[in-house]
Amino acid sequence: MRYFPRQIISTSIDIDVTDDCNLRCVYCFKGPKTPRYIEMNTARAAVDWVIRASRSNNEISINFMGGEPLLSWPLIRDLVPWARRRAHSFGKRVGFSMTVNLTLMNEEIREYVDQNGFGVLMSIDGCPELHDKQRVAIKPEHKFKTVEYWAKSLLRTRPQSDARMTLIPKNVSLFSRSFDYLTREIGFINVMPATADYSDWNEDFLKEYKQQMEIIIENVEESYHKAPIYSFKNISWMLKKAIHPLKQGKRIEKRVSPCGAGYNYQMIDFNGDIWPCHRFDGAIQLHGLENEMKMGNVFGDYYNDKLANAFLNFNFQDHLKPECKTCPILSQCAGGCPAANLYYMRDIYTPHPNYCRLRWIEYEVAEKLYDRLSKKNCEAFLKDMATPFS
């Protein structure tokens, strides 16, 4: 690529090595699962792009995505040593990670990711019943039993790994049971939940979500009194970034941007096209915004500086809804995922109303947890509040 962004510095990319997948998750934000795979020359060009776009930074990161990236394992295996040598020739270090559904994991891959220090984000939705309902397997051998086996295996050498858990409204009654299964049965101490299908969260589902969250924080509270401490990421974030500073009377810096999409990291697909992040696929296809949201191509001589500048100067505080002004987490909200906003609301700034209501519930139960543990003067809790959120 002969042209690089003028106003941004990018240090991280997702490489979508394929848009094919061996599962049919009911909430998937990607488009049709077509058997398109990135070629090695395109993958290498993507590495070259982030090396150059990172400018003077000497640390870059590459995350392999899909579809299911392990469908393209031979390419990943061969690209990694080349990318490491290439980065070294520019005086840079490169870290690798991947987001996988675990169904295609094997001993060869397991050994490789350990030897090369890969971060592995594991997509696993909870108890067997919930997981197999939502992450529908095409082949019987790709169901929960396989996922659980490899999750336990990977946790032996990377105990801090996150379980990437997604919940849709019709399965909300299984939420707390799933959290309990992920922590007590499988061994995760970090659970990263995400709610999907915002348009389908009606009053009954929202009420049930609150009840389930009350049960979950009881489990989190119990864990503070005996190791290990469970980190339910949404609650941990509320505690450390919003509630604790407020209770301590500290000044809270307002967040204006929810993430680094479009200016600090990008997604590069099988064509070498550059997008703000991997989450934009569904929204772009739904609304026909390919031309507006495409940032460039690793082989091209053009970069969408106007769009890059919009993400660089993203300021949610300039796009508040009336109800935002009384929101208890306004200072830390930053408007939610821009791609989800685009999908549901047709712009990158406005979150779906149910996104807000779900976060309000989380804030309410997190505040209850904070007050209970503070009243007990729980030493482990006080120590945890003094450590940064990660």
Protein backbone atom coordinates (compact mmCIF):
# COMPACT_ATOMS: atom_id res chain seq x y z
CA MET A 1 0.00 0.00 0.00
CA ARG A 2 1.45 3.34 -1.04
CA TYR A 3 -0.84 5.51 1.06
CA PHE A 4 -1.19 5.52 4.84
CA PRO A 5 -3.44 7.46 7.21
CA ARG A 6 -2.37 11.04 7.73
CA GLN A 7 -3.90 11.70 11.12
CA ILE A 8 -3.95 8.38 12.96
CA ILE A 9 -1.44 5.88 14.28
CA SER A 10 -2.61 2.28 14.17
CA THR A 11 -0.88 -0.30 16.33
CA SER A 12 -3.33 -3.19 16.15
CA ILE A 13 -5.27 -5.09 13.51
CA ASP A 14 -7.73 -7.94 13.26
CA ILE A 15 -7.05 -10.12 10.24
CA ASP A 16 -10.23 -11.85 9.11
CA VAL A 17 -8.59 -14.94 7.73
CA THR A 18 -11.95 -16.30 6.57
CA ASP A 19 -15.63 -15.48 6.72
CA ASP A 20 -16.44 -19.20 6.76
CA CYS A 21 -17.50 -20.85 10.02
CA ASN A 22 -18.38 -24.32 11.26
CA LEU A 23 -21.03 -22.96 13.65
CA ARG A 24 -24.27 -21.08 13.04
CA CYS A 25 -24.54 -18.85 16.09
CA VAL A 26 -28.03 -17.39 16.37
CA TYR A 27 -26.74 -13.89 17.22
CA CYS A 28 -23.84 -13.68 14.76
CA PHE A 29 -23.26 -10.15 13.48
CA LYS A 30 -21.36 -11.32 10.41
CA GLY A 31 -22.92 -11.81 7.01
CA PRO A 32 -23.36 -15.10 5.11
CA LYS A 33 -20.82 -17.82 5.99
CA THR A 34 -19.15 -18.00 2.60
CA PRO A 35 -15.99 -20.09 2.06
CA ARG A 36 -13.70 -17.14 1.33
CA TYR A 37 -10.18 -17.30 2.74
CA ILE A 38 -7.42 -14.73 2.83
CA GLU A 39 -4.37 -15.56 0.71
CA MET A 40 -0.85 -15.42 2.09
CA ASN A 41 0.20 -12.42 0.02
CA THR A 42 -2.79 -10.44 1.33
CA ALA A 43 -2.12 -11.50 4.91
CA ARG A 44 1.52 -10.42 4.57
CA ALA A 45 0.42 -7.10 3.08
CA ALA A 46 -1.84 -6.63 6.12
CA VAL A 47 1.15 -7.16 8.41
CA ASP A 48 3.19 -4.68 6.38
CA TRP A 49 0.34 -2.20 6.64
CA VAL A 50 0.19 -2.20 10.44
CA ILE A 51 4.00 -2.13 10.70
CA ARG A 52 4.06 1.07 8.66
CA ALA A 53 0.85 2.55 10.06
CA SER A 54 2.22 2.17 13.60
CA ARG A 55 4.95 4.68 12.72
CA SER A 56 7.37 5.14 15.62
CA ASN A 57 5.61 2.72 17.96
CA ASN A 58 7.70 -0.38 18.53
CA GLU A 59 4.84 -2.62 19.73
CA ILE A 60 2.13 -3.94 17.41
CA SER A 61 -0.52 -6.62 17.82
CA ILE A 62 -2.27 -8.92 15.40
CA ASN A 63 -5.49 -10.77 16.22
CA PHE A 64 -6.80 -13.53 13.98
CA MET A 65 -10.56 -13.51 13.46
CA GLY A 66 -13.24 -15.07 11.31
CA GLY A 67 -15.68 -16.68 10.81
CA GLU A 68 -13.72 -19.28 12.64
CA PRO A 69 -10.00 -18.55 12.20
CA LEU A 70 -8.89 -22.12 12.88
CA LEU A 71 -10.46 -23.11 9.56
CA SER A 72 -7.41 -21.32 8.14
CA TRP A 73 -4.90 -22.65 10.65
CA PRO A 74 -2.12 -23.54 8.13
CA LEU A 75 -1.99 -19.90 7.00
CA ILE A 76 -1.86 -18.60 10.58
CA ARG A 77 0.87 -21.10 11.49
CA ASP A 78 3.02 -20.03 8.53
CA LEU A 79 2.31 -16.30 8.79
CA VAL A 80 3.36 -15.88 12.43
CA PRO A 81 7.13 -16.50 12.06
CA TRP A 82 7.22 -14.37 8.90
CA ALA A 83 5.37 -11.54 10.66
CA ARG A 84 7.72 -11.73 13.63
CA ARG A 85 10.79 -11.50 11.37
CA ARG A 86 9.24 -8.72 9.34
CA ALA A 87 8.40 -6.67 12.43
CA HIS A 88 11.90 -7.24 13.82
CA SER A 89 13.42 -5.86 10.64
CA PHE A 90 11.63 -2.58 11.43
CA GLY A 91 12.72 -2.65 15.08
CA LYS A 92 9.28 -3.69 16.30
CA ARG A 93 7.85 -6.49 18.42
CA VAL A 94 4.58 -8.16 17.51
CA GLY A 95 2.09 -9.96 19.75
CA PHE A 96 -0.49 -12.44 18.50
CA SER A 97 -3.95 -13.45 19.62
CA MET A 98 -7.04 -15.12 18.21
CA THR A 99 -10.73 -15.39 18.95
CA VAL A 100 -11.86 -19.01 18.56
CA ASN A 101 -14.88 -21.21 19.19
CA LEU A 102 -12.59 -24.06 20.39
CA THR A 103 -14.30 -26.75 18.32
CA LEU A 104 -11.32 -27.16 15.95
CA MET A 105 -8.59 -27.01 18.60
CA ASN A 106 -6.12 -29.90 18.67
CA GLU A 107 -2.83 -30.76 20.37
CA GLU A 108 -0.72 -29.30 17.55
CA ILE A 109 -2.50 -25.94 17.75
CA ARG A 110 -2.49 -26.07 21.55
CA GLU A 111 1.29 -26.51 21.61
CA TYR A 112 1.84 -23.84 18.95
CA VAL A 113 -0.16 -21.11 20.71
CA ASP A 114 1.66 -21.83 23.97
CA GLN A 115 5.09 -21.74 22.34
CA ASN A 116 4.29 -18.47 20.56
CA GLY A 117 2.62 -16.73 23.49
CA PHE A 118 -0.77 -16.34 21.82
CA GLY A 119 -3.63 -14.73 23.66
CA VAL A 120 -6.75 -16.83 23.18
CA LEU A 121 -10.22 -15.35 23.63
CA MET A 122 -12.59 -18.29 24.02
CA SER A 123 -16.14 -17.96 22.73
CA ILE A 124 -18.24 -20.02 25.12
CA ASP A 125 -21.72 -19.02 26.18
CA GLY A 126 -22.17 -20.88 29.45
CA CYS A 127 -23.80 -24.09 30.55
CA PRO A 128 -24.17 -26.86 27.94
CA GLU A 129 -27.86 -26.19 27.36
CA LEU A 130 -27.40 -22.49 26.67
CA HIS A 131 -24.21 -22.88 24.65
CA ASP A 132 -25.60 -25.45 22.23
CA LYS A 133 -28.84 -23.48 21.84
CA GLN A 134 -27.01 -20.34 20.79
CA ARG A 135 -23.83 -21.65 19.15
CA VAL A 136 -25.41 -24.17 16.84
CA ALA A 137 -23.01 -26.85 15.61
CA ILE A 138 -23.21 -28.28 12.10
CA LYS A 139 -21.40 -31.45 13.20
CA PRO A 140 -22.11 -33.29 16.49
CA GLU A 141 -18.42 -33.36 17.41
CA HIS A 142 -18.39 -29.56 17.52
CA LYS A 143 -20.87 -29.25 20.39
CA PHE A 144 -20.26 -28.19 23.98
CA LYS A 145 -18.38 -31.27 25.15
CA THR A 146 -15.48 -30.45 22.81
CA VAL A 147 -15.55 -26.76 23.72
CA GLU A 148 -15.44 -27.52 27.45
CA TYR A 149 -12.52 -29.94 27.05
CA TRP A 150 -10.32 -27.41 25.28
CA ALA A 151 -11.36 -24.53 27.53
CA LYS A 152 -10.15 -26.48 30.55
CA SER A 153 -6.98 -27.43 28.70
CA LEU A 154 -6.13 -23.86 27.71
CA LEU A 155 -6.87 -22.50 31.18
CA ARG A 156 -4.11 -24.66 32.63
CA THR A 157 -1.48 -22.44 30.99
CA ARG A 158 -3.44 -19.19 30.69
CA PRO A 159 -5.66 -19.02 33.81
CA GLN A 160 -6.48 -15.32 33.29
CA SER A 161 -8.13 -15.92 29.89
CA ASP A 162 -11.61 -14.52 29.30
CA ALA A 163 -14.72 -16.49 28.51
CA ARG A 164 -16.49 -14.49 25.77
CA MET A 165 -20.12 -15.09 26.72
CA THR A 166 -23.06 -13.82 24.66
CA LEU A 167 -26.66 -13.73 25.85
CA ILE A 168 -29.87 -13.24 23.89
CA PRO A 169 -33.13 -12.28 25.61
CA LYS A 170 -35.06 -15.53 25.19
CA ASN A 171 -32.33 -17.42 27.06
CA VAL A 172 -31.88 -14.90 29.88
CA SER A 173 -33.27 -17.34 32.48
CA LEU A 174 -30.08 -19.40 32.03
CA PHE A 175 -27.73 -16.45 32.64
CA SER A 176 -26.72 -17.01 36.26
CA ARG A 177 -26.55 -20.76 35.81
CA SER A 178 -24.19 -20.21 32.89
CA PHE A 179 -21.96 -17.85 34.87
CA ASP A 180 -21.82 -20.41 37.66
CA TYR A 181 -20.93 -23.17 35.19
CA LEU A 182 -18.16 -21.15 33.54
CA THR A 183 -16.55 -20.33 36.87
CA ARG A 184 -17.13 -23.31 39.14
CA GLU A 185 -17.26 -26.14 36.61
CA ILE A 186 -14.83 -25.03 33.90
CA GLY A 187 -12.52 -22.78 35.93
CA PHE A 188 -12.76 -19.32 34.35
CA ILE A 189 -12.16 -16.46 36.75
CA ASN A 190 -12.75 -13.83 34.06
CA VAL A 191 -16.08 -13.78 32.24
CA MET A 192 -16.68 -11.19 29.52
CA PRO A 193 -20.44 -11.04 28.91
CA ALA A 194 -22.17 -9.39 25.98
CA THR A 195 -25.87 -8.90 25.38
CA ALA A 196 -27.18 -9.20 21.83
CA ASP A 197 -30.39 -8.64 19.87
CA TYR A 198 -31.21 -5.33 21.59
CA SER A 199 -34.52 -4.91 19.78
CA ASP A 200 -35.87 -8.09 21.39
CA TRP A 201 -35.35 -7.10 25.05
CA ASN A 202 -38.91 -6.50 26.29
CA GLU A 203 -39.99 -5.63 29.85
CA ASP A 204 -40.21 -9.26 30.97
CA PHE A 205 -36.74 -10.06 29.69
CA LEU A 206 -35.28 -6.95 31.30
CA LYS A 207 -36.90 -7.85 34.63
CA GLU A 208 -35.47 -11.35 34.40
CA TYR A 209 -32.05 -9.93 33.50
CA LYS A 210 -32.04 -7.95 36.73
CA GLN A 211 -33.02 -11.01 38.75
CA GLN A 212 -30.27 -13.05 37.12
CA MET A 213 -27.72 -10.29 37.75
CA GLU A 214 -28.69 -10.25 41.44
CA ILE A 215 -27.82 -13.95 41.64
CA ILE A 216 -24.54 -13.42 39.78
CA ILE A 217 -23.34 -10.67 42.12
CA GLU A 218 -24.04 -12.95 45.08
CA ASN A 219 -21.57 -15.39 43.54
CA VAL A 220 -19.10 -12.57 42.88
CA GLU A 221 -19.49 -11.34 46.45
CA GLU A 222 -18.84 -14.81 47.82
CA SER A 223 -15.67 -15.08 45.71
CA TYR A 224 -14.22 -11.99 47.43
CA HIS A 225 -14.22 -13.94 50.69
CA LYS A 226 -12.43 -16.97 49.24
CA ALA A 227 -10.05 -17.28 46.28
CA PRO A 228 -10.28 -17.05 43.38
CA ILE A 229 -12.07 -13.74 42.90
CA TYR A 230 -14.45 -13.90 39.94
CA SER A 231 -14.33 -10.98 37.55
CA PHE A 232 -17.62 -10.46 35.76
CA LYS A 233 -16.23 -7.83 33.43
CA ASN A 234 -19.30 -5.59 33.15
CA ILE A 235 -19.64 -5.43 36.92
CA SER A 236 -15.89 -5.00 37.49
CA TRP A 237 -15.89 -2.12 35.03
CA MET A 238 -18.82 -0.43 36.79
CA LEU A 239 -17.16 -0.86 40.19
CA LYS A 240 -13.73 0.42 39.26
CA LYS A 241 -14.46 3.06 36.64
CA ALA A 242 -17.67 4.62 37.93
CA ILE A 243 -18.82 3.60 41.40
CA HIS A 244 -15.56 3.49 43.40
CA PRO A 245 -14.31 6.91 42.24
CA LEU A 246 -17.74 8.42 42.92
CA LYS A 247 -17.93 6.91 46.41
CA GLN A 248 -14.41 8.10 47.14
CA GLY A 249 -15.24 11.62 46.01
CA LYS A 250 -12.67 11.51 43.24
CA ARG A 251 -12.91 13.39 39.96
CA ILE A 252 -13.99 11.09 37.14
CA GLU A 253 -12.54 11.73 33.73
CA LYS A 254 -15.23 11.60 31.08
CA ARG A 255 -14.83 9.00 28.36
CA VAL A 256 -15.58 10.40 24.92
CA SER A 257 -14.78 7.33 22.82
CA PRO A 258 -15.78 3.72 23.59
CA CYS A 259 -12.82 2.03 21.91
CA GLY A 260 -10.03 2.47 19.39
CA ALA A 261 -12.00 1.35 16.34
CA GLY A 262 -11.10 3.22 13.19
CA TYR A 263 -8.11 5.09 14.56
CA ASN A 264 -6.07 2.80 16.83
CA TYR A 265 -7.02 -0.52 15.30
CA GLN A 266 -8.72 -1.79 12.16
CA MET A 267 -9.93 -5.00 10.57
CA ILE A 268 -8.48 -6.26 7.29
CA ASP A 269 -10.51 -8.80 5.33
CA PHE A 270 -9.76 -11.48 2.74
CA ASN A 271 -9.67 -8.84 -0.05
CA GLY A 272 -7.24 -6.65 1.85
CA ASP A 273 -10.03 -4.12 2.46
CA ILE A 274 -9.65 -2.09 5.66
CA TRP A 275 -12.66 -1.51 7.95
CA PRO A 276 -13.03 0.30 11.30
CA CYS A 277 -13.23 -3.04 13.16
CA HIS A 278 -14.53 -6.58 12.76
CA ARG A 279 -17.98 -5.70 14.14
CA PHE A 280 -18.95 -3.46 11.22
CA ASP A 281 -19.68 -6.26 8.73
CA GLY A 282 -23.34 -6.80 9.61
CA ALA A 283 -24.23 -3.11 9.86
CA ILE A 284 -22.51 -2.30 6.59
CA GLN A 285 -24.35 -5.05 4.72
CA LEU A 286 -27.71 -4.26 6.35
CA HIS A 287 -27.65 -0.58 5.41
CA GLY A 288 -25.58 -0.75 2.22
CA LEU A 289 -22.76 1.38 3.61
CA GLU A 290 -19.80 -0.36 1.99
CA ASN A 291 -18.54 2.80 0.31
CA GLU A 292 -19.01 5.04 3.34
CA MET A 293 -17.41 2.73 5.92
CA LYS A 294 -14.52 1.30 3.91
CA MET A 295 -11.26 2.88 5.01
CA GLY A 296 -8.92 1.65 2.29
CA ASN A 297 -7.12 -1.42 0.96
CA VAL A 298 -3.67 -2.75 1.80
CA PHE A 299 -2.80 -2.75 -1.92
CA GLY A 300 -4.43 0.59 -2.70
CA ASP A 301 -3.35 4.19 -2.93
CA TYR A 302 -6.27 5.73 -1.01
CA TYR A 303 -7.25 6.01 2.65
CA ASN A 304 -10.54 7.41 3.93
CA ASP A 305 -9.08 10.20 6.07
CA LYS A 306 -12.51 11.76 6.57
CA LEU A 307 -13.82 8.60 8.22
CA ALA A 308 -10.58 8.08 10.16
CA ASN A 309 -10.88 11.64 11.45
CA ALA A 310 -14.47 10.98 12.56
CA PHE A 311 -13.30 8.07 14.71
CA LEU A 312 -10.23 9.92 15.95
CA ASN A 313 -12.40 12.84 17.11
CA PHE A 314 -15.32 10.68 18.23
CA ASN A 315 -16.95 12.54 21.11
CA PHE A 316 -20.09 10.93 22.47
CA GLN A 317 -20.60 13.89 24.80
CA ASP A 318 -21.54 15.94 21.72
CA HIS A 319 -24.37 13.53 20.79
CA LEU A 320 -26.27 13.03 24.05
CA LYS A 321 -29.91 12.00 24.16
CA PRO A 322 -32.05 13.86 26.74
CA GLU A 323 -32.06 10.83 29.07
CA CYS A 324 -28.25 10.67 28.94
CA LYS A 325 -27.97 13.78 31.07
CA THR A 326 -29.36 12.00 34.16
CA CYS A 327 -27.65 8.66 33.49
CA PRO A 328 -25.52 7.46 36.45
CA ILE A 329 -22.79 6.16 34.15
CA LEU A 330 -22.69 9.03 31.69
CA SER A 331 -19.09 9.88 32.52
CA GLN A 332 -17.92 6.40 31.56
CA CYS A 333 -20.44 5.38 28.90
CA ALA A 334 -19.04 6.85 25.67
CA GLY A 335 -22.11 5.61 23.81
CA GLY A 336 -21.45 1.89 23.46
CA CYS A 337 -20.22 0.02 20.41
CA PRO A 338 -20.24 2.25 17.29
CA ALA A 339 -20.87 -0.78 15.05
CA ALA A 340 -23.89 -1.89 17.10
CA ASN A 341 -25.16 1.67 17.08
CA LEU A 342 -24.86 1.77 13.30
CA TYR A 343 -26.65 -1.57 12.99
CA TYR A 344 -29.63 -0.64 15.18
CA MET A 345 -29.81 3.15 14.96
CA ARG A 346 -28.10 3.94 11.63
CA ASP A 347 -25.40 6.15 13.14
CA ILE A 348 -22.27 5.42 15.13
CA TYR A 349 -23.13 7.69 18.09
CA THR A 350 -26.60 6.65 19.25
CA PRO A 351 -26.99 3.49 21.35
CA HIS A 352 -30.20 1.47 21.25
CA PRO A 353 -32.48 2.35 24.22
CA ASN A 354 -32.28 -1.24 25.48
CA TYR A 355 -28.50 -1.07 25.50
CA CYS A 356 -28.86 1.76 27.99
CA ARG A 357 -31.42 -0.08 30.10
CA LEU A 358 -29.19 -3.15 30.36
CA ARG A 359 -26.26 -1.01 31.49
CA TRP A 360 -28.46 0.76 34.07
CA ILE A 361 -29.38 -2.62 35.55
CA GLU A 362 -25.71 -3.55 35.76
CA TYR A 363 -24.91 -0.26 37.49
CA GLU A 364 -27.69 -0.76 40.03
CA VAL A 365 -26.62 -4.26 41.04
CA ALA A 366 -22.94 -3.29 41.00
CA GLU A 367 -23.65 -0.46 43.42
CA LYS A 368 -25.42 -2.91 45.74
CA LEU A 369 -22.38 -5.17 45.60
CA TYR A 370 -20.07 -2.26 46.33
CA ASP A 371 -22.08 -1.12 49.34
CA ARG A 372 -22.29 -4.61 50.82
CA LEU A 373 -18.57 -5.33 50.50
CA SER A 374 -17.59 -1.86 51.72
CA LYS A 375 -19.79 -2.24 54.78
CA LYS A 376 -18.05 -5.51 55.58
CA ASN A 377 -14.68 -3.81 55.04
CA CYS A 378 -13.68 -6.77 52.86
CA GLU A 379 -9.88 -6.64 52.51
CA ALA A 380 -9.78 -8.47 49.16
CA PHE A 381 -12.41 -6.12 47.75
CA LEU A 382 -10.61 -2.97 48.90
CA LYS A 383 -7.38 -4.24 47.40
CA ASP A 384 -9.15 -5.05 44.12
CA MET A 385 -10.66 -1.57 43.93
CA ALA A 386 -7.13 -0.14 44.19
CA THR A 387 -5.99 -2.02 41.07
CA PRO A 388 -6.74 -0.73 37.54
CA PHE A 389 -9.49 -2.34 35.47
CA SER A 390 -8.16 -4.69 32.81
